[in-house]
């Protein structure tokens, strides 16, 4: 039976929460989709705390673990699972299920009902309460930073860094087979390559259901990430198809 949806969870040293995440996802998916039409893939980014072993030990139906021994970055974890997945729609979301589980069904339905969209990106800025739980300073800094990314990258998106994105099978093969960025800047590369290869991106409102502090420091990493995006844009533009 063809798999309709693959949900990918990149993880690095998430042992305190990962078993609950796996059980929650398994329960939601089995209730929302027909058996055999879905899969959940935990992509272990070289965790040293036994995160991968913990998920495997649960032996949950439809749930599997892929990964590698040495930590390489979220981009590598997402890419590895995307290319290993079998779903016609493949999406990734955060290990703490920051956007909830209902977002999976919403993304799936949105792509089914919008045949012109190849990629769907969640946007906290399209939701009135998308940044609930964020401090005012963090919310303001995030919005300013996202605006700068769009200016430098040359794309029109309201929330390019949202940790919830979905792709059709064709887009996955064309984009992720060519991606090289292993770290946090992988989102930029995916969006830039999507534009280069002519894939259409749509956005959908999302709300952060449970918020924990980001592993990225806006002040520390912003300048570097903006420079990386500028450099990446030039490199991808020079590439031959």
Protein backbone atom coordinates (compact mmCIF):
# COMPACT_ATOMS: atom_id res chain seq x y z
CA UNK A 1 0.00 0.00 0.00
CA UNK A 2 1.32 3.43 -0.97
CA UNK A 3 2.15 5.58 2.00
CA UNK A 4 0.22 8.82 2.06
CA UNK A 5 2.25 10.71 4.66
CA UNK A 6 5.68 10.49 6.25
CA UNK A 7 6.31 12.53 9.39
CA UNK A 8 9.95 13.19 10.16
CA UNK A 9 11.31 14.13 13.57
CA UNK A 10 14.96 15.25 13.61
CA UNK A 11 16.44 14.68 17.06
CA UNK A 12 19.66 15.26 18.93
CA UNK A 13 19.91 14.28 22.60
CA UNK A 14 16.16 14.43 23.19
CA UNK A 15 15.93 11.49 25.61
CA UNK A 16 13.85 13.34 28.28
CA UNK A 17 10.96 13.92 25.83
CA UNK A 18 11.38 11.58 22.88
CA UNK A 19 9.47 8.56 24.19
CA UNK A 20 6.42 10.68 24.92
CA UNK A 21 6.73 12.27 21.48
CA UNK A 22 6.83 8.85 19.82
CA UNK A 23 3.78 7.58 21.71
CA UNK A 24 1.83 10.79 21.04
CA UNK A 25 2.57 10.69 17.33
CA UNK A 26 1.75 7.00 17.02
CA UNK A 27 -1.59 7.53 18.73
CA UNK A 28 -2.47 10.51 16.55
CA UNK A 29 -1.39 8.93 13.26
CA UNK A 30 -3.22 5.65 13.88
CA UNK A 31 -6.39 7.57 14.65
CA UNK A 32 -6.12 10.03 11.76
CA UNK A 33 -4.85 7.86 8.89
CA UNK A 34 -5.58 4.37 7.61
CA UNK A 35 -3.13 1.67 8.72
CA UNK A 36 -0.28 1.21 6.27
CA UNK A 37 -0.64 4.67 4.74
CA UNK A 38 1.60 6.51 7.21
CA UNK A 39 5.01 6.35 8.83
CA UNK A 40 6.88 8.30 11.46
CA UNK A 41 10.65 8.52 11.06
CA UNK A 42 12.87 9.69 13.89
CA UNK A 43 16.16 10.87 12.42
CA UNK A 44 18.91 10.56 15.01
CA UNK A 45 21.58 13.23 14.52
CA UNK A 46 24.30 11.32 16.35
CA UNK A 47 22.69 11.52 19.80
CA UNK A 48 24.90 10.47 22.71
CA UNK A 49 22.07 10.01 25.24
CA UNK A 50 20.39 6.96 23.74
CA UNK A 51 17.50 8.82 22.07
CA UNK A 52 17.42 6.48 19.10
CA UNK A 53 17.60 3.33 21.24
CA UNK A 54 14.76 4.63 23.42
CA UNK A 55 12.44 5.04 20.42
CA UNK A 56 13.39 1.64 18.98
CA UNK A 57 12.73 -0.04 22.32
CA UNK A 58 9.11 1.14 22.24
CA UNK A 59 8.54 -1.00 19.13
CA UNK A 60 5.63 1.17 18.00
CA UNK A 61 3.83 0.27 14.76
CA UNK A 62 4.64 2.59 11.87
CA UNK A 63 7.56 4.17 13.75
CA UNK A 64 11.19 3.75 12.74
CA UNK A 65 14.58 5.30 13.48
CA UNK A 66 17.26 6.27 10.97
CA UNK A 67 20.49 8.13 11.63
CA UNK A 68 24.24 8.02 12.02
CA UNK A 69 26.81 7.99 14.81
CA UNK A 70 28.48 11.41 14.55
CA UNK A 71 26.52 14.63 15.14
CA UNK A 72 26.30 16.57 11.87
CA UNK A 73 23.39 18.97 12.25
CA UNK A 74 19.63 19.26 11.78
CA UNK A 75 19.94 19.70 8.03
CA UNK A 76 21.64 16.35 7.66
CA UNK A 77 19.06 14.67 9.91
CA UNK A 78 16.15 16.06 7.89
CA UNK A 79 17.78 15.25 4.54
CA UNK A 80 18.60 11.67 5.57
CA UNK A 81 15.02 10.94 6.61
CA UNK A 82 13.42 12.79 3.70
CA UNK A 83 15.29 10.65 1.18
CA UNK A 84 14.59 7.45 3.15
CA UNK A 85 10.85 8.17 3.51
CA UNK A 86 8.19 6.59 1.30
CA UNK A 87 5.25 8.97 1.68
CA UNK A 88 3.71 10.93 -1.17
CA UNK A 89 3.76 13.83 1.31
CA UNK A 90 6.76 14.18 3.62
CA UNK A 91 6.87 16.70 6.41
CA UNK A 92 9.14 17.45 9.32
CA UNK A 93 8.33 19.02 12.65
CA UNK A 94 10.12 19.55 15.96
CA UNK A 95 10.88 16.80 18.47
CA UNK A 96 8.89 18.59 21.19
CA UNK A 97 5.83 18.77 18.91
CA UNK A 98 5.86 22.54 19.31
CA UNK A 99 3.11 22.92 16.70
CA UNK A 100 0.95 20.11 18.07
CA UNK A 101 -0.16 16.99 16.20
CA UNK A 102 -3.28 18.34 14.46
CA UNK A 103 -0.97 20.32 12.19
CA UNK A 104 -0.07 17.05 10.44
CA UNK A 105 -3.63 16.50 9.26
CA UNK A 106 -3.98 20.16 8.30
CA UNK A 107 -0.82 20.09 6.19
CA UNK A 108 -1.86 16.85 4.49
CA UNK A 109 -5.33 18.16 3.65
CA UNK A 110 -3.95 21.51 2.47
CA UNK A 111 -1.60 19.87 -0.03
CA UNK A 112 -4.34 17.53 -1.24
CA UNK A 113 -6.72 20.45 -1.78
CA UNK A 114 -4.13 22.70 -3.41
CA UNK A 115 -2.64 20.83 -6.38
CA UNK A 116 -0.64 23.89 -7.41
CA UNK A 117 1.43 23.85 -4.20
CA UNK A 118 4.53 21.65 -4.07
CA UNK A 119 5.77 22.78 -0.66
CA UNK A 120 3.89 23.95 2.39
CA UNK A 121 5.53 26.02 5.12
CA UNK A 122 3.96 26.85 8.47
CA UNK A 123 3.85 30.51 9.42
CA UNK A 124 3.54 31.88 12.92
CA UNK A 125 3.11 35.34 11.39
CA UNK A 126 -0.12 34.34 9.62
CA UNK A 127 -1.71 33.33 12.92
CA UNK A 128 -3.01 35.90 15.38
CA UNK A 129 -1.61 33.89 18.29
CA UNK A 130 1.27 32.27 16.43
CA UNK A 131 3.87 33.54 18.88
CA UNK A 132 1.98 32.73 22.07
CA UNK A 133 4.47 31.97 24.84
CA UNK A 134 7.23 34.13 23.36
CA UNK A 135 8.42 37.19 25.24
CA UNK A 136 7.81 40.52 23.48
CA UNK A 137 11.53 41.00 22.81
CA UNK A 138 11.92 37.48 21.43
CA UNK A 139 8.86 37.91 19.22
CA UNK A 140 10.05 41.27 17.88
CA UNK A 141 13.60 40.02 17.29
CA UNK A 142 12.29 36.96 15.47
CA UNK A 143 10.08 39.00 13.15
CA UNK A 144 12.86 41.49 12.32
CA UNK A 145 15.28 38.63 11.67
CA UNK A 146 12.83 36.84 9.37
CA UNK A 147 12.33 40.03 7.41
CA UNK A 148 16.08 40.42 6.95
CA UNK A 149 16.35 36.83 5.74
CA UNK A 150 13.72 37.49 3.07
CA UNK A 151 15.53 40.62 1.91
CA UNK A 152 18.90 38.88 1.66
CA UNK A 153 17.48 35.66 0.24
CA UNK A 154 15.18 37.38 -2.22
CA UNK A 155 12.10 35.32 -1.34
CA UNK A 156 8.65 36.38 -0.18
CA UNK A 157 7.75 34.31 2.85
CA UNK A 158 6.43 35.38 6.22
CA UNK A 159 8.18 32.67 8.28
CA UNK A 160 10.95 30.89 6.39
CA UNK A 161 12.44 29.47 9.60
CA UNK A 162 9.31 27.73 10.85
CA UNK A 163 10.19 24.22 12.00
CA UNK A 164 7.18 22.68 10.25
CA UNK A 165 7.41 22.11 6.49
CA UNK A 166 5.83 19.62 4.07
CA UNK A 167 6.85 18.52 0.57
CA UNK A 168 5.42 16.46 -2.24
CA UNK A 169 7.46 13.40 -3.24
CA UNK A 170 8.67 15.03 -6.47
CA UNK A 171 9.94 18.11 -4.67
CA UNK A 172 11.80 15.98 -2.10
CA UNK A 173 13.69 14.05 -4.75
CA UNK A 174 14.62 17.12 -6.77
CA UNK A 175 15.63 19.32 -3.83
CA UNK A 176 17.02 17.13 -1.05
CA UNK A 177 19.13 14.97 -3.36
CA UNK A 178 21.10 18.13 -4.17
CA UNK A 179 21.25 19.71 -0.70
CA UNK A 180 24.63 19.88 1.02
CA UNK A 181 24.10 22.05 4.11
CA UNK A 182 24.09 20.00 7.31
CA UNK A 183 23.47 22.74 9.88
CA UNK A 184 20.68 25.17 10.77
CA UNK A 185 21.02 27.06 7.47
CA UNK A 186 19.56 24.09 5.60
CA UNK A 187 16.14 25.84 5.53
CA UNK A 188 17.64 28.56 3.35
CA UNK A 189 19.12 26.05 0.95
CA UNK A 190 15.84 24.16 0.61
CA UNK A 191 13.90 27.36 -0.14
CA UNK A 192 16.52 28.66 -2.59
CA UNK A 193 16.64 25.35 -4.45
CA UNK A 194 12.86 25.16 -4.54
CA UNK A 195 12.82 28.51 -6.29
CA UNK A 196 15.56 27.53 -8.71
CA UNK A 197 13.79 24.33 -9.75
CA UNK A 198 10.41 26.01 -10.12
CA UNK A 199 8.52 24.50 -7.17
CA UNK A 200 5.66 26.53 -5.76
CA UNK A 201 5.64 27.30 -2.03
CA UNK A 202 2.51 28.10 -0.04
CA UNK A 203 2.15 29.04 3.62
CA UNK A 204 -0.37 27.99 6.26
CA UNK A 205 -0.97 29.58 9.69
CA UNK A 206 0.45 27.66 12.65
CA UNK A 207 0.55 28.28 16.37
CA UNK A 208 3.31 27.30 18.75
CA UNK A 209 1.53 25.03 21.21
CA UNK A 210 4.47 24.47 23.53
CA UNK A 211 7.54 26.66 23.40
CA UNK A 212 11.00 25.91 24.69
CA UNK A 213 14.08 28.04 24.23
CA UNK A 214 15.61 27.78 20.78
CA UNK A 215 19.06 26.23 20.44
CA UNK A 216 19.85 29.16 18.14
CA UNK A 217 20.87 32.51 19.60
CA UNK A 218 19.52 35.33 17.45
CA UNK A 219 22.20 37.76 18.58
CA UNK A 220 25.07 35.29 18.30
CA UNK A 221 24.05 33.52 15.09
CA UNK A 222 22.08 36.13 13.10
CA UNK A 223 25.02 37.78 11.33
CA UNK A 224 26.62 34.45 10.46
CA UNK A 225 23.35 33.02 9.13
CA UNK A 226 22.66 36.11 7.04
CA UNK A 227 26.14 35.86 5.53
CA UNK A 228 25.67 32.13 4.92
CA UNK A 229 22.40 32.83 3.12
CA UNK A 230 23.99 35.48 0.91
CA UNK A 231 26.89 33.15 0.04
CA UNK A 232 24.57 30.19 -0.54
CA UNK A 233 22.35 32.21 -2.85
CA UNK A 234 25.33 33.07 -5.05
CA UNK A 235 26.61 29.47 -5.11
CA UNK A 236 23.25 27.93 -6.03
CA UNK A 237 22.71 30.55 -8.74
CA UNK A 238 26.07 29.60 -10.30
CA UNK A 239 25.34 25.87 -10.24
CA UNK A 240 24.54 24.09 -13.49
CA UNK A 241 21.25 22.17 -13.46
